[in-house]
N, C-alpha and C. Protein backbone atom coordinates (compact mmCIF):
# COMPACT_ATOMS: atom_id res chain seq x y z
N UNK A 1 -71.99 -55.80 -44.67
CA UNK A 1 -72.38 -55.43 -43.47
C UNK A 1 -73.29 -55.65 -42.35
N UNK A 2 -73.45 -56.67 -42.50
CA UNK A 2 -74.41 -57.41 -41.10
C UNK A 2 -72.85 -58.16 -40.19
N UNK A 3 -72.47 -58.45 -41.05
CA UNK A 3 -71.12 -59.13 -40.23
C UNK A 3 -70.66 -58.01 -39.47
N UNK A 4 -70.18 -56.61 -39.61
CA UNK A 4 -69.10 -55.65 -39.21
C UNK A 4 -70.78 -55.42 -38.30
N UNK A 5 -71.64 -55.64 -37.90
CA UNK A 5 -72.22 -55.35 -37.34
C UNK A 5 -72.71 -56.30 -36.00
N UNK A 6 -72.63 -57.70 -36.58
CA UNK A 6 -72.67 -58.71 -35.18
C UNK A 6 -70.82 -58.34 -34.93
N UNK A 7 -69.74 -58.44 -35.44
CA UNK A 7 -68.75 -57.83 -34.87
C UNK A 7 -68.66 -56.56 -33.69
N UNK A 8 -69.16 -55.82 -33.86
CA UNK A 8 -69.01 -54.86 -33.10
C UNK A 8 -70.33 -55.25 -32.17
N UNK A 9 -71.18 -55.64 -32.25
CA UNK A 9 -72.24 -56.00 -31.10
C UNK A 9 -71.57 -57.45 -30.09
N UNK A 10 -70.57 -58.35 -31.01
CA UNK A 10 -70.04 -59.21 -30.12
C UNK A 10 -68.44 -58.61 -28.89
N UNK A 11 -68.06 -57.32 -29.63
CA UNK A 11 -66.90 -56.67 -28.92
C UNK A 11 -67.65 -55.71 -27.73
N UNK A 12 -69.07 -55.85 -28.17
CA UNK A 12 -69.59 -54.80 -26.92
C UNK A 12 -70.19 -55.42 -25.82
N UNK A 13 -70.41 -56.84 -26.04
CA UNK A 13 -70.97 -57.46 -25.98
C UNK A 13 -69.93 -58.71 -24.44
N UNK A 14 -68.76 -58.53 -25.51
CA UNK A 14 -67.51 -58.82 -24.89
C UNK A 14 -66.56 -58.25 -23.75
N UNK A 15 -67.03 -56.59 -24.02
CA UNK A 15 -66.32 -55.41 -23.12
C UNK A 15 -67.65 -55.70 -21.75
N UNK A 16 -68.35 -56.00 -22.02
CA UNK A 16 -69.64 -55.61 -20.88
C UNK A 16 -69.50 -56.55 -20.35
N UNK A 17 -69.03 -58.34 -20.85
CA UNK A 17 -69.00 -59.12 -19.61
C UNK A 17 -67.52 -58.89 -18.92
N UNK A 18 -66.51 -58.69 -19.68
CA UNK A 18 -65.38 -58.58 -18.80
C UNK A 18 -64.92 -57.08 -18.79
N UNK A 19 -65.32 -56.50 -18.11
CA UNK A 19 -64.73 -55.02 -17.92
C UNK A 19 -63.60 -54.57 -17.52
N UNK A 20 -62.34 -55.71 -17.41
CA UNK A 20 -60.99 -55.34 -16.76
C UNK A 20 -60.16 -55.64 -18.40
N UNK A 21 -61.03 -55.97 -19.23
CA UNK A 21 -60.79 -55.91 -20.25
C UNK A 21 -59.88 -54.29 -21.32
N UNK A 22 -60.78 -53.85 -20.28
CA UNK A 22 -60.63 -52.05 -20.43
C UNK A 22 -59.82 -51.87 -20.04
N UNK A 23 -59.42 -52.02 -18.59
CA UNK A 23 -57.84 -51.62 -18.27
C UNK A 23 -57.24 -52.29 -19.16
N UNK A 24 -57.18 -53.45 -19.60
CA UNK A 24 -55.92 -54.22 -20.18
C UNK A 24 -55.58 -53.23 -21.51
N UNK A 25 -56.33 -53.06 -21.88
CA UNK A 25 -56.12 -51.99 -23.19
C UNK A 25 -55.98 -51.00 -23.35
N UNK A 26 -56.09 -50.45 -22.14
CA UNK A 26 -56.13 -48.92 -21.88
C UNK A 26 -54.37 -49.17 -21.28
N UNK A 27 -53.64 -49.58 -20.48
CA UNK A 27 -52.03 -50.57 -20.27
C UNK A 27 -51.71 -50.49 -21.66
N UNK A 28 -52.39 -51.20 -22.55
CA UNK A 28 -51.08 -51.60 -23.75
C UNK A 28 -51.40 -50.44 -24.43
N UNK A 29 -52.14 -49.67 -24.64
CA UNK A 29 -51.91 -48.33 -25.30
C UNK A 29 -51.06 -47.55 -24.39
N UNK A 30 -50.75 -47.33 -23.43
CA UNK A 30 -49.90 -46.57 -22.42
C UNK A 30 -48.62 -46.81 -22.87
N UNK A 31 -48.53 -48.17 -22.83
CA UNK A 31 -46.88 -49.09 -22.68
C UNK A 31 -46.55 -48.82 -24.42
N UNK A 32 -47.19 -49.27 -25.42
CA UNK A 32 -47.00 -48.74 -26.63
C UNK A 32 -46.45 -47.75 -27.07
N UNK A 33 -47.39 -46.39 -26.05
CA UNK A 33 -47.07 -44.63 -26.32
C UNK A 33 -46.33 -44.17 -26.15
N UNK A 34 -45.33 -45.17 -24.65
CA UNK A 34 -44.34 -44.60 -23.95
C UNK A 34 -43.23 -45.23 -24.84
N UNK A 35 -43.29 -46.47 -25.48
CA UNK A 35 -42.16 -47.24 -25.81
C UNK A 35 -41.94 -46.49 -27.74
N UNK A 36 -43.18 -46.07 -27.94
CA UNK A 36 -43.09 -44.84 -29.33
C UNK A 36 -43.28 -43.65 -29.00
N UNK A 37 -42.86 -42.92 -27.61
CA UNK A 37 -41.94 -41.94 -27.61
C UNK A 37 -40.55 -42.16 -27.29
N UNK A 38 -40.22 -42.85 -27.05
CA UNK A 38 -38.72 -43.34 -26.61
C UNK A 38 -38.17 -43.42 -27.90
N UNK A 39 -38.20 -44.04 -28.97
CA UNK A 39 -37.77 -44.23 -29.99
C UNK A 39 -37.48 -42.93 -30.74
N UNK A 40 -38.75 -42.12 -30.71
CA UNK A 40 -38.81 -40.67 -31.15
C UNK A 40 -38.00 -40.44 -30.69
N UNK A 41 -37.59 -40.25 -29.28
CA UNK A 41 -36.67 -38.77 -28.72
C UNK A 41 -35.62 -39.39 -29.13
N UNK A 42 -35.42 -40.60 -28.99
CA UNK A 42 -33.69 -41.27 -29.08
C UNK A 42 -33.40 -40.75 -31.10
N UNK A 43 -34.13 -40.68 -31.55
CA UNK A 43 -33.66 -40.78 -32.95
C UNK A 43 -34.16 -39.21 -32.99
N UNK A 44 -34.85 -38.43 -32.39
CA UNK A 44 -34.02 -37.17 -32.42
C UNK A 44 -32.58 -36.81 -32.12
N UNK A 45 -32.54 -37.16 -30.77
CA UNK A 45 -31.45 -36.51 -30.42
C UNK A 45 -30.19 -36.84 -31.33
N UNK A 46 -30.43 -38.44 -31.61
CA UNK A 46 -29.33 -38.67 -32.55
C UNK A 46 -29.19 -38.09 -33.76
N UNK A 47 -30.12 -37.45 -34.19
CA UNK A 47 -30.07 -36.65 -35.62
C UNK A 47 -29.55 -35.19 -34.90
N UNK A 48 -29.93 -34.61 -34.26
CA UNK A 48 -29.37 -33.53 -33.44
C UNK A 48 -27.77 -33.40 -33.25
N UNK A 49 -27.66 -34.44 -32.95
CA UNK A 49 -26.44 -34.94 -32.28
C UNK A 49 -25.29 -34.88 -34.24
N UNK A 50 -25.96 -35.20 -34.92
CA UNK A 50 -25.35 -35.65 -35.74
C UNK A 50 -24.82 -34.30 -36.22
N UNK A 51 -26.04 -33.51 -36.43
CA UNK A 51 -25.86 -32.04 -37.27
C UNK A 51 -25.38 -31.36 -36.42
N UNK A 52 -24.80 -31.17 -34.73
CA UNK A 52 -23.93 -30.89 -34.61
C UNK A 52 -22.61 -31.04 -34.42
N UNK A 53 -22.42 -32.72 -34.97
CA UNK A 53 -20.86 -32.87 -34.93
C UNK A 53 -20.45 -32.51 -36.48
N UNK A 54 -21.46 -32.69 -37.55
CA UNK A 54 -21.46 -32.02 -38.99
C UNK A 54 -20.99 -30.39 -38.68
N UNK A 55 -21.19 -29.80 -38.29
CA UNK A 55 -21.36 -27.94 -37.82
C UNK A 55 -19.94 -28.36 -37.26
N UNK A 56 -19.71 -29.04 -36.74
CA UNK A 56 -18.71 -28.62 -35.61
C UNK A 56 -17.14 -29.10 -36.63
N UNK A 57 -17.55 -29.92 -37.00
CA UNK A 57 -16.16 -30.23 -38.43
C UNK A 57 -16.35 -29.77 -39.89
N UNK A 58 -17.00 -28.47 -39.85
CA UNK A 58 -17.07 -27.84 -40.97
C UNK A 58 -16.62 -26.24 -40.43
N UNK A 59 -16.54 -26.66 -38.99
CA UNK A 59 -16.31 -25.59 -38.53
C UNK A 59 -14.74 -25.45 -38.67
N UNK A 60 -14.20 -26.58 -37.75
CA UNK A 60 -12.77 -26.97 -37.64
C UNK A 60 -12.09 -27.28 -38.62
N UNK A 61 -12.95 -27.28 -40.28
CA UNK A 61 -12.10 -27.30 -41.67
C UNK A 61 -11.97 -26.00 -41.91
N UNK A 62 -12.56 -25.39 -41.57
CA UNK A 62 -13.05 -24.00 -42.45
C UNK A 62 -11.57 -23.07 -41.34
N UNK A 63 -11.90 -23.41 -40.23
CA UNK A 63 -10.22 -23.05 -39.37
C UNK A 63 -9.29 -23.42 -40.15
N UNK A 64 -8.70 -24.49 -40.63
CA UNK A 64 -7.63 -24.73 -41.21
C UNK A 64 -6.80 -26.76 -40.25
N UNK A 65 -7.60 -26.83 -39.57
CA UNK A 65 -7.58 -27.91 -38.64
C UNK A 65 -7.22 -29.14 -39.54
N UNK A 66 -6.43 -30.22 -39.05
CA UNK A 66 -6.04 -31.45 -39.53
C UNK A 66 -7.11 -32.34 -39.57
N UNK A 67 -7.27 -33.11 -40.44
CA UNK A 67 -8.36 -34.70 -40.01
C UNK A 67 -8.07 -34.82 -39.08
N UNK A 68 -6.38 -35.23 -38.30
CA UNK A 68 -5.81 -35.78 -36.90
C UNK A 68 -6.54 -35.02 -35.44
N UNK A 69 -6.66 -33.39 -36.24
CA UNK A 69 -7.12 -32.59 -35.15
C UNK A 69 -8.75 -32.69 -34.63
N UNK A 70 -8.76 -33.15 -35.69
CA UNK A 70 -10.84 -32.80 -35.73
C UNK A 70 -10.71 -33.99 -34.88
N UNK A 71 -10.79 -35.55 -35.50
CA UNK A 71 -10.93 -36.70 -34.42
C UNK A 71 -10.40 -36.91 -33.37
N UNK A 72 -9.13 -36.02 -32.99
CA UNK A 72 -8.67 -36.01 -31.50
C UNK A 72 -9.88 -35.21 -30.79
N UNK A 73 -10.66 -34.25 -31.34
CA UNK A 73 -11.26 -33.22 -31.15
C UNK A 73 -12.89 -33.95 -30.61
N UNK A 74 -13.29 -34.55 -31.82
CA UNK A 74 -14.42 -35.72 -31.41
C UNK A 74 -14.50 -36.67 -30.64
N UNK A 75 -13.05 -37.20 -30.25
CA UNK A 75 -13.27 -38.46 -29.34
C UNK A 75 -13.14 -38.01 -28.51
N UNK A 76 -12.77 -36.59 -28.18
CA UNK A 76 -12.32 -36.28 -26.70
C UNK A 76 -14.10 -35.80 -26.36
N UNK A 77 -14.88 -35.06 -26.96
CA UNK A 77 -16.20 -34.81 -26.85
C UNK A 77 -16.90 -35.85 -26.14
N UNK A 78 -16.62 -36.69 -26.67
CA UNK A 78 -17.59 -37.85 -25.82
C UNK A 78 -17.26 -38.53 -25.16
N UNK A 79 -15.98 -38.77 -24.39
CA UNK A 79 -15.50 -39.83 -23.54
C UNK A 79 -15.58 -38.90 -21.93
N UNK A 80 -16.06 -39.43 -21.41
CA UNK A 80 -16.21 -38.90 -19.78
C UNK A 80 -14.72 -38.25 -19.07
N UNK A 81 -13.80 -39.32 -19.31
CA UNK A 81 -12.37 -38.94 -18.53
C UNK A 81 -12.36 -37.66 -18.81
N UNK A 82 -12.21 -37.26 -20.42
CA UNK A 82 -11.79 -35.87 -21.28
C UNK A 82 -12.08 -34.88 -20.47
N UNK A 83 -13.72 -34.98 -20.34
CA UNK A 83 -15.12 -34.43 -19.51
C UNK A 83 -14.35 -33.84 -18.02
N UNK A 84 -13.72 -35.12 -17.39
CA UNK A 84 -13.76 -34.65 -16.23
C UNK A 84 -12.33 -33.85 -15.47
N UNK A 85 -11.23 -34.19 -16.74
CA UNK A 85 -9.79 -33.52 -16.46
C UNK A 85 -10.33 -31.96 -17.16
N UNK A 86 -11.46 -31.83 -18.26
CA UNK A 86 -11.35 -30.22 -18.63
C UNK A 86 -12.07 -29.29 -17.14
N UNK A 87 -12.78 -30.26 -16.37
CA UNK A 87 -13.60 -29.47 -15.33
C UNK A 87 -12.85 -29.37 -13.93
N UNK A 88 -11.18 -30.07 -14.53
CA UNK A 88 -10.31 -30.06 -13.03
C UNK A 88 -9.64 -29.06 -13.52
N UNK A 89 -9.26 -28.99 -14.68
CA UNK A 89 -7.87 -27.98 -15.37
C UNK A 89 -8.34 -26.58 -15.55
N UNK A 90 -9.97 -26.18 -15.80
CA UNK A 90 -10.56 -25.06 -16.18
C UNK A 90 -12.68 -25.24 -15.71
N UNK A 91 -12.39 -25.69 -15.74
CA UNK A 91 -14.54 -25.66 -15.05
C UNK A 91 -15.04 -25.44 -16.46
N UNK A 92 -16.61 -25.90 -16.05
CA UNK A 92 -17.48 -25.58 -16.90
C UNK A 92 -18.90 -25.69 -16.33
N UNK A 93 -19.42 -24.33 -17.41
CA UNK A 93 -20.84 -23.28 -16.53
C UNK A 93 -21.75 -23.98 -18.07
N UNK A 94 -22.56 -24.52 -17.19
CA UNK A 94 -23.97 -24.76 -17.67
C UNK A 94 -25.28 -24.15 -17.05
N UNK A 95 -26.18 -23.69 -18.16
CA UNK A 95 -27.27 -23.09 -17.49
C UNK A 95 -28.26 -22.39 -18.42
N UNK A 96 -29.33 -22.10 -18.31
CA UNK A 96 -30.22 -21.20 -18.99
C UNK A 96 -30.88 -20.39 -18.04
N UNK A 97 -30.63 -19.27 -18.65
CA UNK A 97 -31.38 -18.41 -17.65
C UNK A 97 -30.68 -18.18 -16.96
N UNK A 98 -31.77 -17.65 -15.24
CA UNK A 98 -31.26 -17.99 -13.89
C UNK A 98 -30.73 -19.06 -12.98
N UNK A 99 -30.92 -20.10 -14.09
CA UNK A 99 -30.45 -21.00 -13.57
C UNK A 99 -29.01 -21.64 -14.18
N UNK A 100 -28.05 -21.67 -13.37
CA UNK A 100 -26.76 -21.64 -13.75
C UNK A 100 -26.06 -22.50 -13.10
N UNK A 101 -25.18 -23.68 -13.64
CA UNK A 101 -24.33 -24.48 -12.81
C UNK A 101 -23.15 -24.61 -12.97
N UNK A 102 -22.17 -24.15 -12.28
CA UNK A 102 -20.41 -24.39 -12.64
C UNK A 102 -19.76 -25.37 -11.77
N UNK A 103 -19.24 -25.93 -12.71
CA UNK A 103 -18.51 -26.91 -12.10
C UNK A 103 -16.86 -26.55 -12.28
N UNK A 104 -15.78 -27.10 -11.76
CA UNK A 104 -15.00 -26.64 -11.28
C UNK A 104 -14.30 -25.17 -11.02
N UNK A 105 -13.14 -24.64 -11.26
CA UNK A 105 -12.69 -23.93 -10.52
C UNK A 105 -12.51 -22.85 -11.99
N UNK A 106 -12.95 -21.51 -11.45
CA UNK A 106 -12.57 -20.14 -12.87
C UNK A 106 -11.63 -19.06 -12.23
N UNK A 107 -11.24 -18.82 -13.09
CA UNK A 107 -9.78 -18.11 -12.86
C UNK A 107 -10.94 -16.53 -12.48
N UNK A 108 -10.25 -15.45 -11.02
CA UNK A 108 -11.23 -14.29 -11.51
C UNK A 108 -10.73 -12.85 -12.33
N UNK A 109 -11.85 -12.51 -13.28
CA UNK A 109 -10.64 -11.62 -13.95
C UNK A 109 -10.81 -10.54 -12.64
N UNK A 110 -9.81 -9.91 -13.48
CA UNK A 110 -9.01 -8.15 -12.84
C UNK A 110 -9.93 -7.90 -12.58
N UNK A 111 -9.47 -7.05 -11.18
CA UNK A 111 -10.74 -5.85 -10.90
C UNK A 111 -12.33 -6.79 -10.04
N UNK A 112 -12.46 -8.06 -9.84
CA UNK A 112 -13.51 -8.40 -9.47
C UNK A 112 -13.50 -8.46 -8.19
N UNK A 113 -14.24 -8.13 -7.39
CA UNK A 113 -14.92 -7.88 -5.98
C UNK A 113 -14.31 -9.82 -5.40
N UNK A 114 -13.68 -9.75 -4.25
CA UNK A 114 -14.03 -11.03 -4.13
C UNK A 114 -13.84 -10.52 -2.19
N UNK A 115 -15.17 -11.87 -1.48
CA UNK A 115 -14.65 -11.65 0.01
C UNK A 115 -14.31 -11.80 0.47
N UNK A 116 -14.21 -11.19 1.79
CA UNK A 116 -12.95 -11.04 2.60
C UNK A 116 -13.44 -12.15 2.87
N UNK A 117 -12.41 -13.21 3.55
CA UNK A 117 -12.37 -14.49 4.63
C UNK A 117 -12.41 -14.24 5.89
N UNK A 118 -13.00 -15.09 6.26
CA UNK A 118 -13.47 -14.51 7.89
C UNK A 118 -12.46 -15.27 8.99
N UNK A 119 -11.90 -14.28 9.42
CA UNK A 119 -10.49 -14.61 10.52
C UNK A 119 -11.42 -15.68 11.34
N UNK A 120 -10.48 -16.65 11.62
CA UNK A 120 -10.76 -17.60 12.78
C UNK A 120 -9.72 -17.07 14.00
N UNK A 121 -10.47 -16.99 15.24
CA UNK A 121 -10.02 -16.28 16.36
C UNK A 121 -10.52 -16.91 17.42
């Protein structure tokens, strides 16, 4: 027990004589916390993506798609070139609530109002 008190006293003496060590320890703690957060969020993202892929596969199997069709869909969903082509062909809408982003062109539903174009004159 006496050794523990001596060790704690030595640590306090060390920090009092070298206060820059406190800053060094804080920086090290922040770096370790950031690295841990990156690994945990990446693990959660991969796990969530695997769950989504599994649900998509089950849904496609329930609809009667073949294994080759499922493979084609999954490969297309991960390829940016296919995503670009989808945007050109039909468009993509993303968003949550009032924040909406539209990429590509969308056909106007029948009977929808369209603003008249200004005439050049």
